[in-house]
Full PDB file with SEQRES, HELIX, SHEET, SSBOND, CRYST1, ORIGX, SCALE, CONECT and MASTER records, all heavy atoms in Angstrom:
SEQRES   1 A   36  LEU PRO GLY ASN THR ARG HIS ARG GLU LEU VAL ASP GLU          
SEQRES   2 A   36  VAL ALA THR THR ALA LEU GLY ARG GLN PHE ALA GLY ALA          
SEQRES   3 A   36  LEU GLN GLY GLY GLY LEU VAL VAL TYR LEU                      
HELIX    1 AA1 PRO A    2  ASN A    4  5                                   3    
HELIX    2 AA2 GLU A   13  LEU A   27  1                                  15    
CRYST1    1.000    1.000    1.000  90.00  90.00  90.00 P 1           1          
ORIGX1      1.000000  0.000000  0.000000        0.00000                         
ORIGX2      0.000000  1.000000  0.000000        0.00000                         
ORIGX3      0.000000  0.000000  1.000000        0.00000                         
SCALE1      1.000000  0.000000  0.000000        0.00000                         
SCALE2      0.000000  1.000000  0.000000        0.00000                         
SCALE3      0.000000  0.000000  1.000000        0.00000                         
ATOM      1  N   LEU A   1    -114.706 122.227 -79.510  1.00  0.00           N  
ATOM      2  CA  LEU A   1    -115.626 121.467 -80.335  1.00  0.00           C  
ATOM      3  C   LEU A   1    -116.692 120.855 -79.444  1.00  0.00           C  
ATOM      4  O   LEU A   1    -116.568 120.846 -78.230  1.00  0.00           O  
ATOM      5  CB  LEU A   1    -114.865 120.380 -81.097  1.00  0.00           C  
ATOM      6  CG  LEU A   1    -113.745 120.884 -82.015  1.00  0.00           C  
ATOM      7  CD1 LEU A   1    -112.963 119.707 -82.571  1.00  0.00           C  
ATOM      8  CD2 LEU A   1    -114.299 121.734 -83.122  1.00  0.00           C  
ATOM      9  N   PRO A   2    -117.759 120.310 -80.017  1.00  0.00           N  
ATOM     10  CA  PRO A   2    -118.822 119.704 -79.207  1.00  0.00           C  
ATOM     11  C   PRO A   2    -118.281 118.640 -78.253  1.00  0.00           C  
ATOM     12  O   PRO A   2    -117.324 117.942 -78.560  1.00  0.00           O  
ATOM     13  CB  PRO A   2    -119.751 119.075 -80.248  1.00  0.00           C  
ATOM     14  CG  PRO A   2    -119.481 119.839 -81.505  1.00  0.00           C  
ATOM     15  CD  PRO A   2    -118.034 120.242 -81.437  1.00  0.00           C  
ATOM     16  N   GLY A   3    -118.908 118.524 -77.071  1.00  0.00           N  
ATOM     17  CA  GLY A   3    -118.536 117.500 -76.102  1.00  0.00           C  
ATOM     18  C   GLY A   3    -117.230 117.774 -75.394  1.00  0.00           C  
ATOM     19  O   GLY A   3    -116.537 116.856 -74.998  1.00  0.00           O  
ATOM     20  N   ASN A   4    -116.860 119.031 -75.233  1.00  0.00           N  
ATOM     21  CA  ASN A   4    -115.627 119.425 -74.559  1.00  0.00           C  
ATOM     22  C   ASN A   4    -114.374 119.021 -75.319  1.00  0.00           C  
ATOM     23  O   ASN A   4    -113.290 119.032 -74.770  1.00  0.00           O  
ATOM     24  CB  ASN A   4    -115.560 118.869 -73.129  1.00  0.00           C  
ATOM     25  CG  ASN A   4    -116.601 119.479 -72.231  1.00  0.00           C  
ATOM     26  OD1 ASN A   4    -116.918 120.650 -72.357  1.00  0.00           O  
ATOM     27  ND2 ASN A   4    -117.152 118.677 -71.346  1.00  0.00           N  
ATOM     28  N   THR A   5    -114.497 118.641 -76.564  1.00  0.00           N  
ATOM     29  CA  THR A   5    -113.338 118.306 -77.376  1.00  0.00           C  
ATOM     30  C   THR A   5    -112.628 119.592 -77.762  1.00  0.00           C  
ATOM     31  O   THR A   5    -113.265 120.597 -78.047  1.00  0.00           O  
ATOM     32  CB  THR A   5    -113.787 117.538 -78.632  1.00  0.00           C  
ATOM     33  OG1 THR A   5    -114.402 116.323 -78.214  1.00  0.00           O  
ATOM     34  CG2 THR A   5    -112.624 117.213 -79.539  1.00  0.00           C  
ATOM     35  N   ARG A   6    -111.289 119.555 -77.748  1.00  0.00           N  
ATOM     36  CA  ARG A   6    -110.496 120.731 -78.131  1.00  0.00           C  
ATOM     37  C   ARG A   6    -109.617 120.388 -79.313  1.00  0.00           C  
ATOM     38  O   ARG A   6    -109.068 119.292 -79.398  1.00  0.00           O  
ATOM     39  CB  ARG A   6    -109.604 121.186 -76.978  1.00  0.00           C  
ATOM     40  CG  ARG A   6    -110.345 121.592 -75.744  1.00  0.00           C  
ATOM     41  CD  ARG A   6    -110.682 123.072 -75.738  1.00  0.00           C  
ATOM     42  NE  ARG A   6    -111.622 123.400 -74.704  1.00  0.00           N  
ATOM     43  CZ  ARG A   6    -111.396 123.365 -73.400  1.00  0.00           C  
ATOM     44  NH1 ARG A   6    -110.240 122.989 -72.951  1.00  0.00           N  
ATOM     45  NH2 ARG A   6    -112.334 123.703 -72.549  1.00  0.00           N  
ATOM     46  N   HIS A   7    -109.460 121.368 -80.167  1.00  0.00           N  
ATOM     47  CA  HIS A   7    -108.644 121.209 -81.358  1.00  0.00           C  
ATOM     48  C   HIS A   7    -107.500 122.216 -81.279  1.00  0.00           C  
ATOM     49  O   HIS A   7    -107.746 123.399 -81.014  1.00  0.00           O  
ATOM     50  CB  HIS A   7    -109.511 121.452 -82.594  1.00  0.00           C  
ATOM     51  CG  HIS A   7    -108.763 121.368 -83.868  1.00  0.00           C  
ATOM     52  ND1 HIS A   7    -108.402 120.173 -84.430  1.00  0.00           N  
ATOM     53  CD2 HIS A   7    -108.301 122.340 -84.694  1.00  0.00           C  
ATOM     54  CE1 HIS A   7    -107.753 120.414 -85.556  1.00  0.00           C  
ATOM     55  NE2 HIS A   7    -107.679 121.712 -85.729  1.00  0.00           N  
ATOM     56  N   ARG A   8    -106.271 121.752 -81.485  1.00  0.00           N  
ATOM     57  CA  ARG A   8    -105.106 122.633 -81.473  1.00  0.00           C  
ATOM     58  C   ARG A   8    -104.369 122.549 -82.794  1.00  0.00           C  
ATOM     59  O   ARG A   8    -104.090 121.455 -83.280  1.00  0.00           O  
ATOM     60  CB  ARG A   8    -104.118 122.228 -80.365  1.00  0.00           C  
ATOM     61  CG  ARG A   8    -104.601 122.434 -78.949  1.00  0.00           C  
ATOM     62  CD  ARG A   8    -104.289 123.856 -78.509  1.00  0.00           C  
ATOM     63  NE  ARG A   8    -104.742 124.083 -77.170  1.00  0.00           N  
ATOM     64  CZ  ARG A   8    -103.950 124.295 -76.130  1.00  0.00           C  
ATOM     65  NH1 ARG A   8    -102.652 124.278 -76.278  1.00  0.00           N  
ATOM     66  NH2 ARG A   8    -104.461 124.514 -74.947  1.00  0.00           N  
ATOM     67  N   GLU A   9    -104.054 123.692 -83.343  1.00  0.00           N  
ATOM     68  CA  GLU A   9    -103.205 123.765 -84.530  1.00  0.00           C  
ATOM     69  C   GLU A   9    -101.761 123.779 -84.047  1.00  0.00           C  
ATOM     70  O   GLU A   9    -101.415 124.560 -83.170  1.00  0.00           O  
ATOM     71  CB  GLU A   9    -103.506 125.036 -85.332  1.00  0.00           C  
ATOM     72  CG  GLU A   9    -104.922 125.104 -85.871  1.00  0.00           C  
ATOM     73  CD  GLU A   9    -105.227 124.019 -86.877  1.00  0.00           C  
ATOM     74  OE1 GLU A   9    -104.324 123.621 -87.649  1.00  0.00           O  
ATOM     75  OE2 GLU A   9    -106.386 123.550 -86.895  1.00  0.00           O  
ATOM     76  N   LEU A  10    -100.952 122.924 -84.618  1.00  0.00           N  
ATOM     77  CA  LEU A  10     -99.543 122.807 -84.239  1.00  0.00           C  
ATOM     78  C   LEU A  10     -98.705 123.063 -85.491  1.00  0.00           C  
ATOM     79  O   LEU A  10     -98.502 122.165 -86.296  1.00  0.00           O  
ATOM     80  CB  LEU A  10     -99.265 121.416 -83.670  1.00  0.00           C  
ATOM     81  CG  LEU A  10    -100.175 120.981 -82.509  1.00  0.00           C  
ATOM     82  CD1 LEU A  10    -100.008 119.509 -82.211  1.00  0.00           C  
ATOM     83  CD2 LEU A  10     -99.919 121.835 -81.286  1.00  0.00           C  
ATOM     84  N   VAL A  11     -98.237 124.293 -85.641  1.00  0.00           N  
ATOM     85  CA  VAL A  11     -97.588 124.686 -86.892  1.00  0.00           C  
ATOM     86  C   VAL A  11     -96.215 124.037 -87.078  1.00  0.00           C  
ATOM     87  O   VAL A  11     -95.721 123.951 -88.198  1.00  0.00           O  
ATOM     88  CB  VAL A  11     -97.472 126.217 -87.027  1.00  0.00           C  
ATOM     89  CG1 VAL A  11     -98.862 126.840 -87.088  1.00  0.00           C  
ATOM     90  CG2 VAL A  11     -96.646 126.812 -85.911  1.00  0.00           C  
ATOM     91  N   ASP A  12     -95.597 123.592 -85.974  1.00  0.00           N  
ATOM     92  CA  ASP A  12     -94.281 122.968 -86.071  1.00  0.00           C  
ATOM     93  C   ASP A  12     -94.024 122.134 -84.816  1.00  0.00           C  
ATOM     94  O   ASP A  12     -94.870 122.046 -83.925  1.00  0.00           O  
ATOM     95  CB  ASP A  12     -93.182 124.027 -86.265  1.00  0.00           C  
ATOM     96  CG  ASP A  12     -93.186 125.110 -85.191  1.00  0.00           C  
ATOM     97  OD1 ASP A  12     -93.720 124.880 -84.080  1.00  0.00           O  
ATOM     98  OD2 ASP A  12     -92.651 126.198 -85.452  1.00  0.00           O  
ATOM     99  N   GLU A  13     -92.832 121.523 -84.754  1.00  0.00           N  
ATOM    100  CA  GLU A  13     -92.509 120.664 -83.610  1.00  0.00           C  
ATOM    101  C   GLU A  13     -92.430 121.467 -82.310  1.00  0.00           C  
ATOM    102  O   GLU A  13     -92.752 120.952 -81.234  1.00  0.00           O  
ATOM    103  CB  GLU A  13     -91.207 119.900 -83.846  1.00  0.00           C  
ATOM    104  CG  GLU A  13     -90.965 118.860 -82.765  1.00  0.00           C  
ATOM    105  CD  GLU A  13     -89.820 117.930 -83.064  1.00  0.00           C  
ATOM    106  OE1 GLU A  13     -89.275 117.951 -84.169  1.00  0.00           O  
ATOM    107  OE2 GLU A  13     -89.466 117.159 -82.147  1.00  0.00           O  
ATOM    108  N   VAL A  14     -92.041 122.718 -82.391  1.00  0.00           N  
ATOM    109  CA  VAL A  14     -91.998 123.580 -81.202  1.00  0.00           C  
ATOM    110  C   VAL A  14     -93.399 123.703 -80.599  1.00  0.00           C  
ATOM    111  O   VAL A  14     -93.574 123.640 -79.378  1.00  0.00           O  
ATOM    112  CB  VAL A  14     -91.400 124.967 -81.548  1.00  0.00           C  
ATOM    113  CG1 VAL A  14     -91.515 125.915 -80.366  1.00  0.00           C  
ATOM    114  CG2 VAL A  14     -89.949 124.824 -81.978  1.00  0.00           C  
ATOM    115  N   ALA A  15     -94.412 123.827 -81.446  1.00  0.00           N  
ATOM    116  CA  ALA A  15     -95.792 123.924 -80.962  1.00  0.00           C  
ATOM    117  C   ALA A  15     -96.250 122.604 -80.353  1.00  0.00           C  
ATOM    118  O   ALA A  15     -96.965 122.587 -79.354  1.00  0.00           O  
ATOM    119  CB  ALA A  15     -96.719 124.342 -82.096  1.00  0.00           C  
ATOM    120  N   THR A  16     -95.818 121.482 -80.938  1.00  0.00           N  
ATOM    121  CA  THR A  16     -96.162 120.165 -80.375  1.00  0.00           C  
ATOM    122  C   THR A  16     -95.524 120.005 -79.001  1.00  0.00           C  
ATOM    123  O   THR A  16     -96.168 119.532 -78.058  1.00  0.00           O  
ATOM    124  CB  THR A  16     -95.696 119.049 -81.330  1.00  0.00           C  
ATOM    125  OG1 THR A  16     -96.322 119.236 -82.604  1.00  0.00           O  
ATOM    126  CG2 THR A  16     -96.049 117.679 -80.788  1.00  0.00           C  
ATOM    127  N   THR A  17     -94.277 120.426 -78.883  1.00  0.00           N  
ATOM    128  CA  THR A  17     -93.573 120.365 -77.597  1.00  0.00           C  
ATOM    129  C   THR A  17     -94.264 121.265 -76.575  1.00  0.00           C  
ATOM    130  O   THR A  17     -94.445 120.875 -75.418  1.00  0.00           O  
ATOM    131  CB  THR A  17     -92.096 120.785 -77.786  1.00  0.00           C  
ATOM    132  OG1 THR A  17     -91.486 119.856 -78.691  1.00  0.00           O  
ATOM    133  CG2 THR A  17     -91.340 120.794 -76.480  1.00  0.00           C  
ATOM    134  N   ALA A  18     -94.676 122.437 -76.989  1.00  0.00           N  
ATOM    135  CA  ALA A  18     -95.371 123.356 -76.081  1.00  0.00           C  
ATOM    136  C   ALA A  18     -96.670 122.737 -75.575  1.00  0.00           C  
ATOM    137  O   ALA A  18     -96.996 122.837 -74.389  1.00  0.00           O  
ATOM    138  CB  ALA A  18     -95.646 124.685 -76.782  1.00  0.00           C  
ATOM    139  N   LEU A  19     -97.404 122.062 -76.452  1.00  0.00           N  
ATOM    140  CA  LEU A  19     -98.640 121.406 -76.026  1.00  0.00           C  
ATOM    141  C   LEU A  19     -98.339 120.310 -75.005  1.00  0.00           C  
ATOM    142  O   LEU A  19     -99.042 120.188 -74.002  1.00  0.00           O  
ATOM    143  CB  LEU A  19     -99.398 120.831 -77.228  1.00  0.00           C  
ATOM    144  CG  LEU A  19    -100.673 120.063 -76.896  1.00  0.00           C  
ATOM    145  CD1 LEU A  19    -101.696 120.945 -76.173  1.00  0.00           C  
ATOM    146  CD2 LEU A  19    -101.278 119.463 -78.167  1.00  0.00           C  
ATOM    147  N   GLY A  20     -97.302 119.521 -75.221  1.00  0.00           N  
ATOM    148  CA  GLY A  20     -96.929 118.487 -74.260  1.00  0.00           C  
ATOM    149  C   GLY A  20     -96.599 119.072 -72.891  1.00  0.00           C  
ATOM    150  O   GLY A  20     -97.016 118.551 -71.853  1.00  0.00           O  
ATOM    151  N   ARG A  21     -95.877 120.171 -72.882  1.00  0.00           N  
ATOM    152  CA  ARG A  21     -95.525 120.826 -71.612  1.00  0.00           C  
ATOM    153  C   ARG A  21     -96.763 121.403 -70.921  1.00  0.00           C  
ATOM    154  O   ARG A  21     -96.909 121.298 -69.707  1.00  0.00           O  
ATOM    155  CB  ARG A  21     -94.499 121.917 -71.860  1.00  0.00           C  
ATOM    156  CG  ARG A  21     -93.144 121.365 -72.234  1.00  0.00           C  
ATOM    157  CD  ARG A  21     -92.133 122.466 -72.471  1.00  0.00           C  
ATOM    158  NE  ARG A  21     -90.850 121.888 -72.811  1.00  0.00           N  
ATOM    159  CZ  ARG A  21     -89.994 122.440 -73.634  1.00  0.00           C  
ATOM    160  NH1 ARG A  21     -90.270 123.612 -74.201  1.00  0.00           N  
ATOM    161  NH2 ARG A  21     -88.847 121.859 -73.901  1.00  0.00           N  
ATOM    162  N   GLN A  22     -97.643 122.025 -71.696  1.00  0.00           N  
ATOM    163  CA  GLN A  22     -98.879 122.558 -71.123  1.00  0.00           C  
ATOM    164  C   GLN A  22     -99.734 121.431 -70.548  1.00  0.00           C  
ATOM    165  O   GLN A  22    -100.329 121.580 -69.477  1.00  0.00           O  
ATOM    166  CB  GLN A  22     -99.673 123.316 -72.196  1.00  0.00           C  
ATOM    167  CG  GLN A  22     -99.022 124.587 -72.659  1.00  0.00           C  
ATOM    168  CD  GLN A  22     -99.663 125.124 -73.933  1.00  0.00           C  
ATOM    169  OE1 GLN A  22    -100.563 124.524 -74.510  1.00  0.00           O  
ATOM    170  NE2 GLN A  22     -99.170 126.268 -74.393  1.00  0.00           N  
ATOM    171  N   PHE A  23     -99.785 120.323 -71.249  1.00  0.00           N  
ATOM    172  CA  PHE A  23    -100.565 119.173 -70.799  1.00  0.00           C  
ATOM    173  C   PHE A  23    -100.012 118.666 -69.467  1.00  0.00           C  
ATOM    174  O   PHE A  23    -100.776 118.351 -68.554  1.00  0.00           O  
ATOM    175  CB  PHE A  23    -100.522 118.070 -71.864  1.00  0.00           C  
ATOM    176  CG  PHE A  23    -101.583 117.024 -71.707  1.00  0.00           C  
ATOM    177  CD1 PHE A  23    -102.784 117.138 -72.375  1.00  0.00           C  
ATOM    178  CD2 PHE A  23    -101.372 115.915 -70.907  1.00  0.00           C  
ATOM    179  CE1 PHE A  23    -103.773 116.172 -72.245  1.00  0.00           C  
ATOM    180  CE2 PHE A  23    -102.341 114.941 -70.763  1.00  0.00           C  
ATOM    181  CZ  PHE A  23    -103.550 115.079 -71.430  1.00  0.00           C  
ATOM    182  N   ALA A  24     -98.695 118.610 -69.342  1.00  0.00           N  
ATOM    183  CA  ALA A  24     -98.072 118.175 -68.082  1.00  0.00           C  
ATOM    184  C   ALA A  24     -98.504 119.072 -66.931  1.00  0.00           C  
ATOM    185  O   ALA A  24     -98.819 118.596 -65.835  1.00  0.00           O  
ATOM    186  CB  ALA A  24     -96.549 118.180 -68.219  1.00  0.00           C  
ATOM    187  N   GLY A  25     -98.549 120.379 -67.175  1.00  0.00           N  
ATOM    188  CA  GLY A  25     -98.975 121.314 -66.146  1.00  0.00           C  
ATOM    189  C   GLY A  25    -100.432 121.149 -65.756  1.00  0.00           C  
ATOM    190  O   GLY A  25    -100.826 121.435 -64.631  1.00  0.00           O  
ATOM    191  N   ALA A  26    -101.238 120.658 -66.675  1.00  0.00           N  
ATOM    192  CA  ALA A  26    -102.667 120.471 -66.407  1.00  0.00           C  
ATOM    193  C   ALA A  26    -102.962 119.197 -65.627  1.00  0.00           C  
ATOM    194  O   ALA A  26    -104.068 119.026 -65.126  1.00  0.00           O  
ATOM    195  CB  ALA A  26    -103.445 120.460 -67.725  1.00  0.00           C  
ATOM    196  N   LEU A  27    -101.988 118.304 -65.496  1.00  0.00           N  
ATOM    197  CA  LEU A  27    -102.234 117.038 -64.786  1.00  0.00           C  
ATOM    198  C   LEU A  27    -102.473 117.255 -63.296  1.00  0.00           C  
ATOM    199  O   LEU A  27    -103.289 116.579 -62.699  1.00  0.00           O  
ATOM    200  CB  LEU A  27    -101.066 116.066 -64.995  1.00  0.00           C  
ATOM    201  CG  LEU A  27    -100.928 115.521 -66.403  1.00  0.00           C  
ATOM    202  CD1 LEU A  27     -99.666 114.655 -66.500  1.00  0.00           C  
ATOM    203  CD2 LEU A  27    -102.150 114.728 -66.800  1.00  0.00           C  
ATOM    204  N   GLN A  28    -101.738 118.132 -62.680  1.00  0.00           N  
ATOM    205  CA  GLN A  28    -101.880 118.470 -61.261  1.00  0.00           C  
ATOM    206  C   GLN A  28    -101.986 117.268 -60.347  1.00  0.00           C  
ATOM    207  O   GLN A  28    -102.897 117.159 -59.532  1.00  0.00           O  
ATOM    208  CB  GLN A  28    -103.066 119.403 -61.056  1.00  0.00           C  
ATOM    209  CG  GLN A  28    -102.853 120.752 -61.681  1.00  0.00           C  
ATOM    210  CD  GLN A  28    -103.918 121.748 -61.312  1.00  0.00           C  
ATOM    211  OE1 GLN A  28    -104.916 121.434 -60.660  1.00  0.00           O  
ATOM    212  NE2 GLN A  28    -103.733 122.979 -61.720  1.00  0.00           N  
ATOM    213  N   GLY A  29    -101.054 116.359 -60.483  1.00  0.00           N  
ATOM    214  CA  GLY A  29    -100.913 115.309 -59.487  1.00  0.00           C  
ATOM    215  C   GLY A  29    -101.732 114.051 -59.644  1.00  0.00           C  
ATOM    216  O   GLY A  29    -101.563 113.123 -58.882  1.00  0.00           O  
ATOM    217  N   GLY A  30    -102.605 113.959 -60.584  1.00  0.00           N  
ATOM    218  CA  GLY A  30    -103.393 112.740 -60.720  1.00  0.00           C  
ATOM    219  C   GLY A  30    -102.893 111.862 -61.842  1.00  0.00           C  
ATOM    220  O   GLY A  30    -102.182 112.303 -62.728  1.00  0.00           O  
ATOM    221  N   GLY A  31    -103.259 110.601 -61.789  1.00  0.00           N  
ATOM    222  CA  GLY A  31    -102.937 109.685 -62.864  1.00  0.00           C  
ATOM    223  C   GLY A  31    -103.860 109.918 -64.040  1.00  0.00           C  
ATOM    224  O   GLY A  31    -104.916 110.537 -63.916  1.00  0.00           O  
ATOM    225  N   LEU A  32    -103.458 109.428 -65.193  1.00  0.00           N  
ATOM    226  CA  LEU A  32    -104.255 109.614 -66.391  1.00  0.00           C  
ATOM    227  C   LEU A  32    -103.798 108.606 -67.433  1.00  0.00           C  
ATOM    228  O   LEU A  32    -102.604 108.353 -67.567  1.00  0.00           O  
ATOM    229  CB  LEU A  32    -104.061 111.029 -66.945  1.00  0.00           C  
ATOM    230  CG  LEU A  32    -105.091 111.506 -67.959  1.00  0.00           C  
ATOM    231  CD1 LEU A  32    -106.423 111.835 -67.270  1.00  0.00           C  
ATOM    232  CD2 LEU A  32    -104.585 112.733 -68.700  1.00  0.00           C  
ATOM    233  N   VAL A  33    -104.742 108.042 -68.164  1.00  0.00           N  
ATOM    234  CA  VAL A  33    -104.430 107.162 -69.290  1.00  0.00           C  
ATOM    235  C   VAL A  33    -104.770 107.925 -70.562  1.00  0.00           C  
ATOM    236  O   VAL A  33    -105.914 108.347 -70.750  1.00  0.00           O  
ATOM    237  CB  VAL A  33    -105.218 105.838 -69.218  1.00  0.00           C  
ATOM    238  CG1 VAL A  33    -104.919 104.977 -70.435  1.00  0.00           C  
ATOM    239  CG2 VAL A  33    -104.898 105.092 -67.923  1.00  0.00           C  
ATOM    240  N   VAL A  34    -103.759 108.108 -71.416  1.00  0.00           N  
ATOM    241  CA  VAL A  34    -103.910 108.885 -72.646  1.00  0.00           C  
ATOM    242  C   VAL A  34    -103.585 107.991 -73.838  1.00  0.00           C  
ATOM    243  O   VAL A  34    -102.495 107.428 -73.913  1.00  0.00           O  
ATOM    244  CB  VAL A  34    -102.971 110.112 -72.654  1.00  0.00           C  
ATOM    245  CG1 VAL A  34    -103.144 110.909 -73.941  1.00  0.00           C  
ATOM    246  CG2 VAL A  34    -103.200 110.983 -71.431  1.00  0.00           C  
ATOM    247  N   TYR A  35    -104.525 107.874 -74.739  1.00  0.00           N  
ATOM    248  CA  TYR A  35    -104.303 107.168 -75.997  1.00  0.00           C  
ATOM    249  C   TYR A  35    -103.908 108.197 -77.041  1.00  0.00           C  
ATOM    250  O   TYR A  35    -104.606 109.201 -77.225  1.00  0.00           O  
ATOM    251  CB  TYR A  35    -105.568 106.455 -76.462  1.00  0.00           C  
ATOM    252  CG  TYR A  35    -105.966 105.219 -75.698  1.00  0.00           C  
ATOM    253  CD1 TYR A  35    -105.244 104.732 -74.611  1.00  0.00           C  
ATOM    254  CD2 TYR A  35    -107.103 104.526 -76.078  1.00  0.00           C  
ATOM    255  CE1 TYR A  35    -105.647 103.588 -73.924  1.00  0.00           C  
ATOM    256  CE2 TYR A  35    -107.509 103.378 -75.408  1.00  0.00           C  
ATOM    257  CZ  TYR A  35    -106.780 102.915 -74.335  1.00  0.00           C  
ATOM    258  OH  TYR A  35    -107.181 101.783 -73.667  1.00  0.00           O  
ATOM    259  N   LEU A  36    -102.800 107.940 -77.730  1.00  0.00           N  
ATOM    260  CA  LEU A  36    -102.294 108.824 -78.766  1.00  0.00           C  
ATOM    261  C   LEU A  36    -102.469 108.150 -80.121  1.00  0.00           C  
ATOM    262  O   LEU A  36    -101.841 107.138 -80.403  1.00  0.00           O  
ATOM    263  CB  LEU A  36    -100.815 109.133 -78.522  1.00  0.00           C  
ATOM    264  CG  LEU A  36    -100.513 109.853 -77.205  1.00  0.00           C  
ATOM    265  CD1 LEU A  36     -99.045 109.774 -76.873  1.00  0.00           C  
ATOM    266  CD2 LEU A  36    -100.966 111.296 -77.285  1.00  0.00           C  
TER     267      LEU A  36                                                      
MASTER        0    0    0    2    0    0    0    6  266    1    0    3          
END                                                                             
């Protein structure tokens, strides 16, 4: 989406869990503050 925003469809809890795991892999050692 505009401004580097990304939209993910999460059809079930398995997809939500997969996104969390992928996000962890994208951190690569730095700190981050995430508002949910």
